Amino acid sequence: QVQLIESGGGLEQTGGSLRLSCAASGRTSSMIAMGWFRQAPGKEREFLAMITWIRGTAYLGDSVKGRFTISRDYDKNSLYLQMNSLKPEDTAVYYCVARSSSSGSFSGNNWSVASSYDYWGQGTQVTVSS
């Protein structure tokens, strides 16, 4: 099992920046990828970014390319999401996710699919005021 705890959410103004962190614990050696999703009220969960755990190869969702950056600190078992140029539509609960090696490698582009991840954090609220 892997436990994920997000932090860094809060209230920010339009155009501002926030940095989310996710601390992983437990069987972190089993992780092959980590990522971020978000869910706004009344909307489906949206893929934001994924990074392969060993190589650190990053993939970003189209809606956040150019504004958000994903990174990880392998030695600290930590994942980050740097969010710049925030917009009111970025308001959502942000979730840290991880995929286990027991699930195998991603097939196709299914790293953007929520069901591809085995572990989820409880989420952190990000609110962007206009």
Foldseek 3Di string as FASTA:
>chain_A
DKAKAKDWADEAAAQAKTKMKIAIDDPLVFFQKKAKWWDDPPDDIWGAKMATQPPGDIDGDPVQPPFKDWGADNVRRMIMIIGGRDDQVVWTWMKMFTAGCVLPDDDDPCVGPPVRTDDIYPTDTHGYHD
